[in-house]
Amino acid sequence: MSGGHAILSEIEPDKYSGRVVARVEADGVDIGAALADAGLAVTRARGDWCPMS
């Protein structure tokens, strides 16, 4: 995404004040999915992301 544009959709407030949750797309690629596929992020649906919970 060098110098490109990002598109945010499905924008929602998070349960913590001031944060938002959104789907981010750049050049037709879902950035969240790409990060999760690379092991750099977890999806919201996965409940075991935090070893303390």
Protein backbone atom coordinates (compact mmCIF):
# COMPACT_ATOMS: atom_id res chain seq x y z
CA MET A 1 0.00 0.00 0.00
CA SER A 2 2.81 2.35 -0.76
CA GLY A 3 1.23 5.73 -1.34
CA GLY A 4 -2.23 4.23 -1.88
CA HIS A 5 -5.53 4.84 -0.21
CA ALA A 6 -7.16 2.87 2.58
CA ILE A 7 -10.92 2.36 2.73
CA LEU A 8 -12.58 1.96 6.13
CA SER A 9 -15.98 0.29 6.39
CA GLU A 10 -18.17 -1.32 9.05
CA ILE A 11 -16.97 1.39 11.45
CA GLU A 12 -18.23 0.89 15.02
CA PRO A 13 -17.33 2.35 18.42
CA ASP A 14 -15.29 0.01 20.60
CA LYS A 15 -16.23 -0.68 24.21
CA TYR A 16 -13.31 1.52 25.29
CA SER A 17 -13.84 5.26 24.93
CA GLY A 18 -12.22 6.84 21.91
CA ARG A 19 -11.44 3.63 20.00
CA VAL A 20 -13.16 2.32 16.91
CA VAL A 21 -13.37 -1.04 15.18
CA ALA A 22 -13.40 -1.03 11.38
CA ARG A 23 -12.67 -3.14 8.32
CA VAL A 24 -9.68 -1.73 6.42
CA GLU A 25 -9.08 -2.39 2.73
CA ALA A 26 -6.26 -1.22 0.46
CA ASP A 27 -5.81 -2.09 -3.21
CA GLY A 28 -8.67 -4.59 -2.86
CA VAL A 29 -6.95 -6.44 0.01
CA ASP A 30 -8.57 -6.87 3.44
CA ILE A 31 -5.73 -5.66 5.65
CA GLY A 32 -7.05 -7.35 8.81
CA ALA A 33 -7.30 -10.71 7.04
CA ALA A 34 -3.82 -10.29 5.56
CA LEU A 35 -2.37 -9.54 9.02
CA ALA A 36 -4.20 -12.52 10.55
CA ASP A 37 -3.02 -14.83 7.73
CA ALA A 38 0.56 -13.70 8.40
CA GLY A 39 0.18 -14.43 12.13
CA LEU A 40 0.49 -10.75 13.03
CA ALA A 41 -3.10 -10.29 14.29
CA VAL A 42 -6.09 -12.30 15.49
CA THR A 43 -9.71 -11.85 14.50
CA ARG A 44 -12.40 -10.57 16.85
CA ALA A 45 -14.19 -13.90 16.58
CA ARG A 46 -11.26 -15.76 18.13
CA GLY A 47 -11.65 -15.66 21.90
CA ASP A 48 -8.26 -17.06 22.94
CA TRP A 49 -6.10 -14.13 21.81
CA CYS A 50 -5.16 -13.18 25.37
CA PRO A 51 -3.36 -15.74 27.55
CA MET A 52 -4.69 -13.94 30.67
CA SER A 53 -8.37 -14.60 29.82
